């Protein structure tokens, strides 16, 4: 899929970021992704007084994906408080990989990259299927 509206994804991610619950770090994050059926899903970070219990925006996005019908992620954007594109942490890259269409695109600080470029040699569902 080459006709991705990155501006629209950034707009949705920015809207999600504005809904973040980040009273401790004050670092709000929003994420948005295009799904294989054309939907856009989004999520924001939700902190917790017990820091390790906080949820990244990507976690909320995956929840939105499943609550709204499932599918595979085609393109992904993540932004911070200032609306700047940021890179998902390693844990969240793994989470995205689980639900990504092979070759999913991410807007990163260094340009558009595939999920395989930002998480090389990843382990995922296809590895488990091969073991059956």
Protein backbone atom coordinates (compact mmCIF):
# COMPACT_ATOMS: atom_id res chain seq x y z
CA UNK A 1 0.00 0.00 0.00
CA UNK A 2 1.75 3.15 -1.18
CA UNK A 3 -1.02 5.74 -0.79
CA UNK A 4 -0.61 6.32 2.95
CA UNK A 5 -1.79 9.70 4.23
CA UNK A 6 1.00 10.32 6.75
CA UNK A 7 -0.40 13.77 7.59
CA UNK A 8 -3.73 12.23 8.58
CA UNK A 9 -2.00 9.59 10.71
CA UNK A 10 0.07 12.31 12.44
CA UNK A 11 -3.12 14.33 13.04
CA UNK A 12 -4.86 11.33 14.64
CA UNK A 13 -1.74 10.54 16.72
CA UNK A 14 -1.56 14.16 17.89
CA UNK A 15 -5.23 14.08 18.89
CA UNK A 16 -4.60 10.87 20.84
CA UNK A 17 -1.54 12.44 22.51
CA UNK A 18 -3.70 15.29 23.78
CA UNK A 19 -5.83 12.71 25.63
CA UNK A 20 -2.85 11.05 27.34
CA UNK A 21 -2.76 10.64 31.11
CA UNK A 22 0.79 11.61 32.04
CA UNK A 23 0.73 13.41 35.42
CA UNK A 24 4.09 11.97 36.53
CA UNK A 25 6.43 12.29 33.56
CA UNK A 26 4.39 14.97 31.80
CA UNK A 27 5.56 13.23 28.60
CA UNK A 28 2.43 12.64 26.57
CA UNK A 29 2.52 10.20 23.67
CA UNK A 30 -0.02 9.46 20.97
CA UNK A 31 0.04 6.76 18.31
CA UNK A 32 -2.00 6.06 15.19
CA UNK A 33 -1.94 3.30 12.62
CA UNK A 34 -3.60 2.42 9.36
CA UNK A 35 -5.23 -1.02 9.40
CA UNK A 36 -5.39 -3.40 6.44
CA UNK A 37 -9.13 -2.73 6.01
CA UNK A 38 -8.64 1.06 5.82
CA UNK A 39 -9.55 1.94 9.42
CA UNK A 40 -7.31 4.10 11.56
CA UNK A 41 -6.72 3.06 15.16
CA UNK A 42 -5.07 5.13 17.86
CA UNK A 43 -3.90 5.15 21.44
CA UNK A 44 -2.27 7.30 24.11
CA UNK A 45 -0.02 6.58 27.05
CA UNK A 46 -1.65 6.09 30.46
CA UNK A 47 0.67 6.44 33.44
CA UNK A 48 0.17 5.02 36.90
CA UNK A 49 1.48 5.99 40.35
CA UNK A 50 3.11 2.55 40.36
CA UNK A 51 5.37 3.44 37.44
CA UNK A 52 5.82 -0.07 36.05
CA UNK A 53 2.05 -0.41 35.55
CA UNK A 54 1.83 2.43 33.02
CA UNK A 55 0.70 1.70 29.49
CA UNK A 56 2.44 2.94 26.36
CA UNK A 57 0.41 4.49 23.56
CA UNK A 58 1.14 1.43 21.41
CA UNK A 59 -0.58 -0.81 23.99
CA UNK A 60 -3.71 1.31 23.82
CA UNK A 61 -3.52 1.29 20.01
CA UNK A 62 -3.43 -2.51 19.89
CA UNK A 63 -6.42 -2.58 22.25
CA UNK A 64 -8.27 -0.23 19.89
CA UNK A 65 -7.31 -2.49 16.97
CA UNK A 66 -8.96 -5.50 18.57
CA UNK A 67 -11.93 -3.64 20.03
CA UNK A 68 -12.76 -2.27 16.58
CA UNK A 69 -12.52 -5.49 14.57
CA UNK A 70 -8.91 -6.68 14.43
CA UNK A 71 -6.80 -6.75 11.31
CA UNK A 72 -3.18 -6.07 10.51
CA UNK A 73 -1.31 -2.80 10.89
CA UNK A 74 -0.09 -1.29 7.61
CA UNK A 75 1.46 2.04 8.67
CA UNK A 76 2.27 3.56 12.08
CA UNK A 77 3.12 6.96 13.58
CA UNK A 78 3.97 7.93 17.15
CA UNK A 79 4.27 11.54 18.43
CA UNK A 80 5.28 13.30 21.65
CA UNK A 81 3.97 16.40 23.51
CA UNK A 82 5.30 18.69 20.79
CA UNK A 83 3.81 16.66 17.93
CA UNK A 84 7.27 15.43 16.96
CA UNK A 85 7.64 11.94 15.53
CA UNK A 86 9.26 9.57 18.01
CA UNK A 87 10.45 5.97 17.84
CA UNK A 88 8.58 3.27 19.76
CA UNK A 89 10.64 1.62 22.48
CA UNK A 90 11.90 -1.93 21.92
CA UNK A 91 9.03 -3.51 23.87
CA UNK A 92 6.51 -1.63 21.77
CA UNK A 93 8.27 -2.52 18.53
CA UNK A 94 7.78 -6.17 19.51
CA UNK A 95 4.13 -5.49 20.30
CA UNK A 96 3.62 -3.81 16.92
CA UNK A 97 5.42 -6.67 15.13
CA UNK A 98 2.86 -9.12 16.50
CA UNK A 99 0.03 -7.25 14.75
CA UNK A 100 1.87 -5.89 11.70
CA UNK A 101 1.33 -6.77 8.08
CA UNK A 102 4.69 -8.04 6.79
CA UNK A 103 6.62 -4.93 5.77
CA UNK A 104 4.51 -2.54 7.87
CA UNK A 105 5.80 1.02 7.52
CA UNK A 106 6.69 3.29 10.43
CA UNK A 107 7.37 6.99 10.30
CA UNK A 108 10.56 7.36 12.37
CA UNK A 109 12.92 10.18 13.32
CA UNK A 110 15.13 9.05 10.42
CA UNK A 111 12.40 8.61 7.81
CA UNK A 112 10.01 5.88 6.73
CA UNK A 113 11.23 2.41 7.77
CA UNK A 114 9.75 -1.08 7.71
CA UNK A 115 9.01 -3.00 10.89
CA UNK A 116 11.83 -5.39 9.92
CA UNK A 117 14.29 -2.50 9.77
CA UNK A 118 13.39 -1.25 13.26
CA UNK A 119 13.17 -4.76 14.74
CA UNK A 120 15.60 -6.93 12.75
CA UNK A 121 15.48 -10.71 13.15
CA UNK A 122 12.29 -10.44 15.19
CA UNK A 123 10.59 -13.39 16.83
CA UNK A 124 6.85 -13.56 16.33
CA UNK A 125 3.74 -15.59 15.56
CA UNK A 126 5.15 -17.03 12.32
CA UNK A 127 8.02 -18.59 14.31
CA UNK A 128 5.56 -20.35 16.59
CA UNK A 129 3.48 -21.55 13.64
CA UNK A 130 6.62 -23.03 12.07
CA UNK A 131 7.27 -25.03 15.26
CA UNK A 132 3.86 -26.77 15.17
